[in-house]
Structure formats: structure tokens, C-alpha cells
Amino acid sequence: MAELKTRLTRESASAFVNGVEDEKKRKDAKALLALFKEATGMPAKMWGTSIVGFGSYHYKSERSRQEGDWMLTGFSPRKQNLTVYIMPGFKAYGDLLKKIGPHKTSMGCLYINKLSDIHLPTLKALIRKSVKDMQEKHGK
């Protein structure tokens, strides 16, 4: 059974965000870091080399024997876009997605071009609700 490549590390999330090369992406990443900290009340931790995550839960795959730990939510300032990780997916959050602004989704990823396109209070509400739902599902 293959192990996940993306795992919790001891690297600094602040150092990672401050090291984002593109100035606009770095500014958006700093704003996301503050927004996620406020929305979750949790410290930022690095998952792998490019994901800033908040909280964690233990999962067991229903389709395979794979299990492990993963973040409750997080983000990554990718070259093409800002990626926000909403672990329950988006089925229950259609009302929030309608209000959030221009975006794309896939599975548990919300893709945003730039933060100035997004209604930040709605993004914060989406983060809070998804974390609450994950904690209820996984007993935290």
C-alpha cells in the first residue's frame, strides 16, 4: 500500500508564506493565513512543501486499506491559482458557493484566481462550517 507523500512537517507556515515568490500571491497568501487562523482558531502547520493546513483528523479509506492523518482545512498559493481545501467537498455548501465570487471546484478543492475577486466573509463562513462538519464527523 502506497503512503501519502503529503504529510505534516515541522516547517514554518509563516516562513513558507513569506517566501512565496510572486508579490501578489504572497500578499494573498498572507491574507489567507490570517483569515484561516481567525476562522479556525487553530495554528497553521505545513503539510508537505506547499500546503498550509489547520487542524487534523484521522481517516480510513472506505475503498482501500489506506489510512492516515490529514488537515481539516488549508490552502496553497499555487502558480496558477490559490487553492483552498474544503475536506467535506462542496455538496452541502451550494448556498455559500453562490455568494463567494468567481471560482472553480473539484472534489475538495476551491480554486480562486485572486482574493480581491472573492467575498471574504463568505469564504470565512465556508471554512468555519466545513471544519465544524469535519469535527462532528470525526469526533473532535
Protein backbone atom coordinates (compact mmCIF):
# COMPACT_ATOMS: atom_id res chain seq x y z
CA MET A 1 0.00 0.00 0.00
CA ALA A 2 1.44 3.38 -1.03
CA GLU A 3 1.97 6.03 1.62
CA LEU A 4 0.80 9.60 1.24
CA LYS A 5 3.54 11.92 0.04
CA THR A 6 1.99 14.95 1.71
CA ARG A 7 2.46 14.78 5.46
CA LEU A 8 2.62 17.13 8.40
CA THR A 9 6.09 18.69 8.68
CA ARG A 10 7.93 20.86 11.18
CA GLU A 11 8.49 23.64 8.63
CA SER A 12 7.19 27.12 9.40
CA ALA A 13 3.95 28.11 7.66
CA SER A 14 4.81 31.80 8.10
CA ALA A 15 8.24 31.30 6.52
CA PHE A 16 6.63 29.45 3.62
CA VAL A 17 4.08 32.22 3.04
CA ASN A 18 6.75 34.93 3.32
CA GLY A 19 8.81 33.02 0.75
CA VAL A 20 6.14 32.96 -1.97
CA GLU A 21 7.93 34.49 -4.96
CA ASP A 22 5.11 36.31 -6.72
CA GLU A 23 4.33 39.50 -4.78
CA LYS A 24 0.56 39.40 -5.40
CA LYS A 25 0.33 35.71 -4.48
CA ARG A 26 2.42 36.37 -1.35
CA LYS A 27 0.07 39.19 -0.30
CA ASP A 28 -2.98 36.95 -0.88
CA ALA A 29 -1.29 34.07 0.98
CA LYS A 30 -0.62 36.33 3.98
CA ALA A 31 -4.27 37.41 3.96
CA LEU A 32 -5.40 33.77 3.74
CA LEU A 33 -3.10 32.81 6.60
CA ALA A 34 -4.73 35.43 8.83
CA LEU A 35 -8.25 34.54 7.64
CA PHE A 36 -7.77 30.80 8.27
CA LYS A 37 -6.27 31.40 11.72
CA GLU A 38 -9.24 33.56 12.64
CA ALA A 39 -11.83 31.22 11.09
CA THR A 40 -10.44 28.04 12.67
CA GLY A 41 -8.80 29.27 15.87
CA MET A 42 -6.02 26.79 15.09
CA PRO A 43 -2.32 27.26 14.39
CA ALA A 44 -1.03 26.98 10.83
CA LYS A 45 1.13 23.95 10.04
CA MET A 46 2.86 22.87 6.86
CA TRP A 47 1.69 19.75 5.08
CA GLY A 48 4.32 18.73 2.59
CA THR A 49 6.22 21.54 0.91
CA SER A 50 3.37 23.78 -0.25
CA ILE A 51 0.16 23.35 1.76
CA VAL A 52 -0.68 25.40 4.85
CA GLY A 53 -3.08 23.31 6.92
CA PHE A 54 -5.17 23.80 10.04
CA GLY A 55 -6.20 21.07 12.45
CA SER A 56 -6.12 17.38 11.61
CA TYR A 57 -8.17 14.22 11.65
CA HIS A 58 -7.53 10.52 11.19
CA TYR A 59 -9.19 8.87 8.22
CA LYS A 60 -9.68 5.34 6.95
CA SER A 61 -10.47 4.92 3.28
CA GLU A 62 -13.72 3.12 2.51
CA ARG A 63 -12.36 1.93 -0.86
CA SER A 64 -8.92 0.68 0.20
CA ARG A 65 -6.93 -0.18 3.31
CA GLN A 66 -5.27 3.23 3.31
CA GLU A 67 -5.49 5.37 6.43
CA GLY A 68 -3.64 8.31 7.88
CA ASP A 69 -3.84 11.83 9.18
CA TRP A 70 -4.90 14.86 7.14
CA MET A 71 -5.67 18.51 7.73
CA LEU A 72 -9.21 19.73 8.45
CA THR A 73 -8.76 22.63 6.03
CA GLY A 74 -5.98 24.61 4.41
CA PHE A 75 -4.70 26.45 1.39
CA SER A 76 -1.87 26.58 -1.09
CA PRO A 77 -0.70 29.57 -3.15
CA ARG A 78 -0.13 27.68 -6.40
CA LYS A 79 1.29 29.35 -9.51
CA GLN A 80 -2.00 29.12 -11.43
CA ASN A 81 -4.36 29.95 -8.56
CA LEU A 82 -5.00 29.95 -4.85
CA THR A 83 -6.27 26.54 -3.79
CA VAL A 84 -8.46 26.26 -0.70
CA TYR A 85 -9.00 22.77 0.71
CA ILE A 86 -12.55 22.06 1.95
CA MET A 87 -12.33 18.45 3.08
CA PRO A 88 -16.04 17.51 3.10
CA GLY A 89 -16.35 18.59 -0.53
CA PHE A 90 -18.97 21.09 -1.64
CA LYS A 91 -22.27 19.21 -1.80
CA ALA A 92 -23.59 20.83 1.40
CA TYR A 93 -22.27 24.32 0.68
CA GLY A 94 -24.02 25.37 -2.54
CA ASP A 95 -25.58 28.42 -0.90
CA LEU A 96 -22.16 29.71 0.16
CA LEU A 97 -20.56 28.95 -3.21
CA LYS A 98 -23.20 31.07 -4.94
CA LYS A 99 -22.12 34.08 -2.85
CA ILE A 100 -18.37 33.59 -2.82
CA GLY A 101 -17.45 35.04 -6.22
CA PRO A 102 -15.70 33.59 -9.27
CA HIS A 103 -14.17 30.19 -8.58
CA LYS A 104 -13.85 26.61 -9.75
CA THR A 105 -14.12 23.44 -7.70
CA SER A 106 -13.05 19.82 -7.85
CA MET A 107 -13.58 17.25 -5.10
CA GLY A 108 -12.38 19.18 -2.02
CA CYS A 109 -10.54 21.99 -3.81
CA LEU A 110 -11.77 25.54 -4.33
CA TYR A 111 -9.72 27.37 -6.96
CA ILE A 112 -9.54 31.17 -6.80
CA ASN A 113 -7.59 33.46 -9.12
CA LYS A 114 -7.10 36.26 -6.59
CA LEU A 115 -8.59 37.18 -3.23
CA SER A 116 -9.90 40.52 -4.45
CA ASP A 117 -12.40 38.51 -6.57
CA ILE A 118 -13.84 36.77 -3.51
CA HIS A 119 -16.33 37.77 -0.81
CA LEU A 120 -14.08 37.10 2.19
CA PRO A 121 -16.83 36.86 4.86
CA THR A 122 -18.41 34.08 2.77
CA LEU A 123 -15.06 32.29 2.43
CA LYS A 124 -14.61 32.52 6.21
CA ALA A 125 -18.11 31.09 6.74
CA LEU A 126 -17.32 28.22 4.34
CA ILE A 127 -14.10 27.42 6.22
CA ARG A 128 -15.84 27.52 9.62
CA LYS A 129 -18.74 25.34 8.50
CA SER A 130 -16.51 22.77 6.80
CA VAL A 131 -14.25 22.48 9.87
CA LYS A 132 -17.27 22.10 12.16
CA ASP A 133 -18.70 19.40 9.87
CA MET A 134 -15.37 17.55 9.80
CA GLN A 135 -15.04 17.70 13.58
CA GLU A 136 -18.56 16.35 14.01
CA LYS A 137 -17.93 13.55 11.52
CA HIS A 138 -14.57 12.56 13.02
CA GLY A 139 -15.41 13.06 16.70
CA LYS A 140 -13.36 16.10 17.65
